[in-house]
């Protein structure tokens, strides 16, 4: 359901005052997550055409939270993710600075 190729890391003019952009610019916050889910469901993959119900949304939220916990508790994984972003966006299209 998730597709990295569908992500956009450009800051659009109408998004400049959103919390994620302000925190990134003012405090160099590297990681900020938004989980967006449609009740209409997925448009590709094994769940294409399936309408999500509250149970699906709870499962998605649970898996998302577990993933965040795994990510935050594994500094090697964090470093690997930052390296991947640097490789994908060598011109700095995404801020990949890390505050220590």
C-alpha atoms as a PDB file:
ATOM      1  CA  UNK A   1       0.000   0.000   0.000  1.00  0.00           C
ATOM      2  CA  UNK A   2       2.802   2.441   0.810  1.00  0.00           C
ATOM      3  CA  UNK A   3       4.916   3.541  -2.118  1.00  0.00           C
ATOM      4  CA  UNK A   4       8.087   5.554  -1.592  1.00  0.00           C
ATOM      5  CA  UNK A   5       7.860   6.609  -5.225  1.00  0.00           C
ATOM      6  CA  UNK A   6       4.568   8.335  -4.395  1.00  0.00           C
ATOM      7  CA  UNK A   7       6.204  10.497  -1.717  1.00  0.00           C
ATOM      8  CA  UNK A   8       7.051  14.132  -2.278  1.00  0.00           C
ATOM      9  CA  UNK A   9       9.676  15.837  -0.144  1.00  0.00           C
ATOM     10  CA  UNK A  10       9.366  19.254  -1.724  1.00  0.00           C
ATOM     11  CA  UNK A  11       7.950  21.994   0.504  1.00  0.00           C
ATOM     12  CA  UNK A  12       4.998  23.484  -1.324  1.00  0.00           C
ATOM     13  CA  UNK A  13       4.099  27.106  -0.688  1.00  0.00           C
ATOM     14  CA  UNK A  14       0.748  26.159   0.873  1.00  0.00           C
ATOM     15  CA  UNK A  15       2.541  23.784   3.320  1.00  0.00           C
ATOM     16  CA  UNK A  16       5.131  26.267   4.641  1.00  0.00           C
ATOM     17  CA  UNK A  17       3.178  26.963   7.831  1.00  0.00           C
ATOM     18  CA  UNK A  18       2.451  23.341   8.716  1.00  0.00           C
ATOM     19  CA  UNK A  19       3.921  22.055  11.967  1.00  0.00           C
ATOM     20  CA  UNK A  20       6.264  19.624  10.206  1.00  0.00           C
ATOM     21  CA  UNK A  21       7.821  22.301   7.999  1.00  0.00           C
ATOM     22  CA  UNK A  22       8.103  24.861  10.795  1.00  0.00           C
ATOM     23  CA  UNK A  23       9.756  22.333  13.131  1.00  0.00           C
ATOM     24  CA  UNK A  24      12.142  21.257  10.350  1.00  0.00           C
ATOM     25  CA  UNK A  25      13.146  24.828   9.546  1.00  0.00           C
ATOM     26  CA  UNK A  26      13.272  26.254  13.060  1.00  0.00           C
ATOM     27  CA  UNK A  27      14.658  23.284  14.997  1.00  0.00           C
ATOM     28  CA  UNK A  28      16.214  21.077  12.284  1.00  0.00           C
ATOM     29  CA  UNK A  29      13.837  18.275  13.243  1.00  0.00           C
ATOM     30  CA  UNK A  30      14.714  15.441  10.886  1.00  0.00           C
ATOM     31  CA  UNK A  31      11.955  12.952  11.590  1.00  0.00           C
ATOM     32  CA  UNK A  32       8.316  13.923  11.502  1.00  0.00           C
ATOM     33  CA  UNK A  33       5.621  11.486  10.532  1.00  0.00           C
ATOM     34  CA  UNK A  34       2.083  11.824   9.291  1.00  0.00           C
ATOM     35  CA  UNK A  35      -0.043   8.777   8.749  1.00  0.00           C
ATOM     36  CA  UNK A  36      -2.766   9.373   6.209  1.00  0.00           C
ATOM     37  CA  UNK A  37      -5.321   6.706   5.478  1.00  0.00           C
ATOM     38  CA  UNK A  38      -8.358   6.773   3.246  1.00  0.00           C
ATOM     39  CA  UNK A  39     -11.590   5.046   4.191  1.00  0.00           C
ATOM     40  CA  UNK A  40     -11.810   4.272   0.478  1.00  0.00           C
ATOM     41  CA  UNK A  41      -8.890   1.900   0.848  1.00  0.00           C
ATOM     42  CA  UNK A  42      -5.913   1.056  -1.287  1.00  0.00           C
ATOM     43  CA  UNK A  43      -5.618   1.624  -5.010  1.00  0.00           C
ATOM     44  CA  UNK A  44      -2.964  -1.037  -5.624  1.00  0.00           C
ATOM     45  CA  UNK A  45      -1.509  -4.230  -4.218  1.00  0.00           C
ATOM     46  CA  UNK A  46      -3.379  -7.100  -2.638  1.00  0.00           C
ATOM     47  CA  UNK A  47      -5.891  -4.712  -1.016  1.00  0.00           C
ATOM     48  CA  UNK A  48      -6.706  -2.738  -4.181  1.00  0.00           C
ATOM     49  CA  UNK A  49     -10.411  -1.887  -4.226  1.00  0.00           C
ATOM     50  CA  UNK A  50     -10.940  -2.934  -0.598  1.00  0.00           C
ATOM     51  CA  UNK A  51     -12.691  -0.339   1.553  1.00  0.00           C
ATOM     52  CA  UNK A  52     -11.014  -0.005   4.931  1.00  0.00           C
ATOM     53  CA  UNK A  53     -13.089  -0.411   8.065  1.00  0.00           C
ATOM     54  CA  UNK A  54     -12.212   0.617  11.657  1.00  0.00           C
ATOM     55  CA  UNK A  55     -10.503  -2.740  12.275  1.00  0.00           C
ATOM     56  CA  UNK A  56      -8.172  -2.196   9.302  1.00  0.00           C
ATOM     57  CA  UNK A  57      -7.334   1.293  10.568  1.00  0.00           C
ATOM     58  CA  UNK A  58      -6.536  -0.009  14.064  1.00  0.00           C
ATOM     59  CA  UNK A  59      -4.207  -2.630  12.584  1.00  0.00           C
ATOM     60  CA  UNK A  60      -2.486  -0.004  10.427  1.00  0.00           C
ATOM     61  CA  UNK A  61      -2.036   2.263  13.470  1.00  0.00           C
ATOM     62  CA  UNK A  62      -0.705  -0.570  15.630  1.00  0.00           C
ATOM     63  CA  UNK A  63       1.854  -1.635  13.009  1.00  0.00           C
ATOM     64  CA  UNK A  64       2.878   1.993  12.441  1.00  0.00           C
ATOM     65  CA  UNK A  65       3.492   2.528  16.176  1.00  0.00           C
ATOM     66  CA  UNK A  66       5.490  -0.705  16.471  1.00  0.00           C
ATOM     67  CA  UNK A  67       7.594   0.353  13.494  1.00  0.00           C
ATOM     68  CA  UNK A  68       8.301   3.748  15.067  1.00  0.00           C
ATOM     69  CA  UNK A  69       9.327   2.072  18.323  1.00  0.00           C
ATOM     70  CA  UNK A  70      11.664  -0.303  16.462  1.00  0.00           C
ATOM     71  CA  UNK A  71      13.135   2.576  14.491  1.00  0.00           C
ATOM     72  CA  UNK A  72      13.692   4.799  17.514  1.00  0.00           C
ATOM     73  CA  UNK A  73      15.329   2.033  19.540  1.00  0.00           C
ATOM     74  CA  UNK A  74      17.873   1.028  16.891  1.00  0.00           C
ATOM     75  CA  UNK A  75      20.538   3.673  16.303  1.00  0.00           C
ATOM     76  CA  UNK A  76      22.161   1.570  13.566  1.00  0.00           C
ATOM     77  CA  UNK A  77      18.863   1.441  11.682  1.00  0.00           C
ATOM     78  CA  UNK A  78      18.470   5.213  12.076  1.00  0.00           C
ATOM     79  CA  UNK A  79      21.975   5.725  10.643  1.00  0.00           C
ATOM     80  CA  UNK A  80      21.199   3.404   7.726  1.00  0.00           C
ATOM     81  CA  UNK A  81      17.971   5.288   6.972  1.00  0.00           C
ATOM     82  CA  UNK A  82      19.781   8.639   7.011  1.00  0.00           C
ATOM     83  CA  UNK A  83      22.485   7.261   4.699  1.00  0.00           C
ATOM     84  CA  UNK A  84      19.810   6.010   2.301  1.00  0.00           C
ATOM     85  CA  UNK A  85      18.208   9.460   2.250  1.00  0.00           C
ATOM     86  CA  UNK A  86      21.577  11.102   1.584  1.00  0.00           C
ATOM     87  CA  UNK A  87      22.141   8.682  -1.315  1.00  0.00           C
ATOM     88  CA  UNK A  88      18.659   9.254  -2.750  1.00  0.00           C
ATOM     89  CA  UNK A  89      18.839  13.031  -2.387  1.00  0.00           C
ATOM     90  CA  UNK A  90      22.500  14.029  -2.812  1.00  0.00           C
ATOM     91  CA  UNK A  91      21.517  17.616  -3.666  1.00  0.00           C
ATOM     92  CA  UNK A  92      19.908  18.024  -0.256  1.00  0.00           C
ATOM     93  CA  UNK A  93      16.269  17.824  -1.369  1.00  0.00           C
ATOM     94  CA  UNK A  94      15.601  16.544   2.133  1.00  0.00           C
ATOM     95  CA  UNK A  95      17.238  17.693   5.308  1.00  0.00           C
ATOM     96  CA  UNK A  96      19.166  14.751   6.696  1.00  0.00           C
ATOM     97  CA  UNK A  97      21.082  16.555   9.416  1.00  0.00           C
ATOM     98  CA  UNK A  98      21.141  14.736  12.687  1.00  0.00           C
ATOM     99  CA  UNK A  99      21.104  16.491  16.044  1.00  0.00           C
ATOM    100  CA  UNK A 100      23.181  14.808  18.724  1.00  0.00           C
END
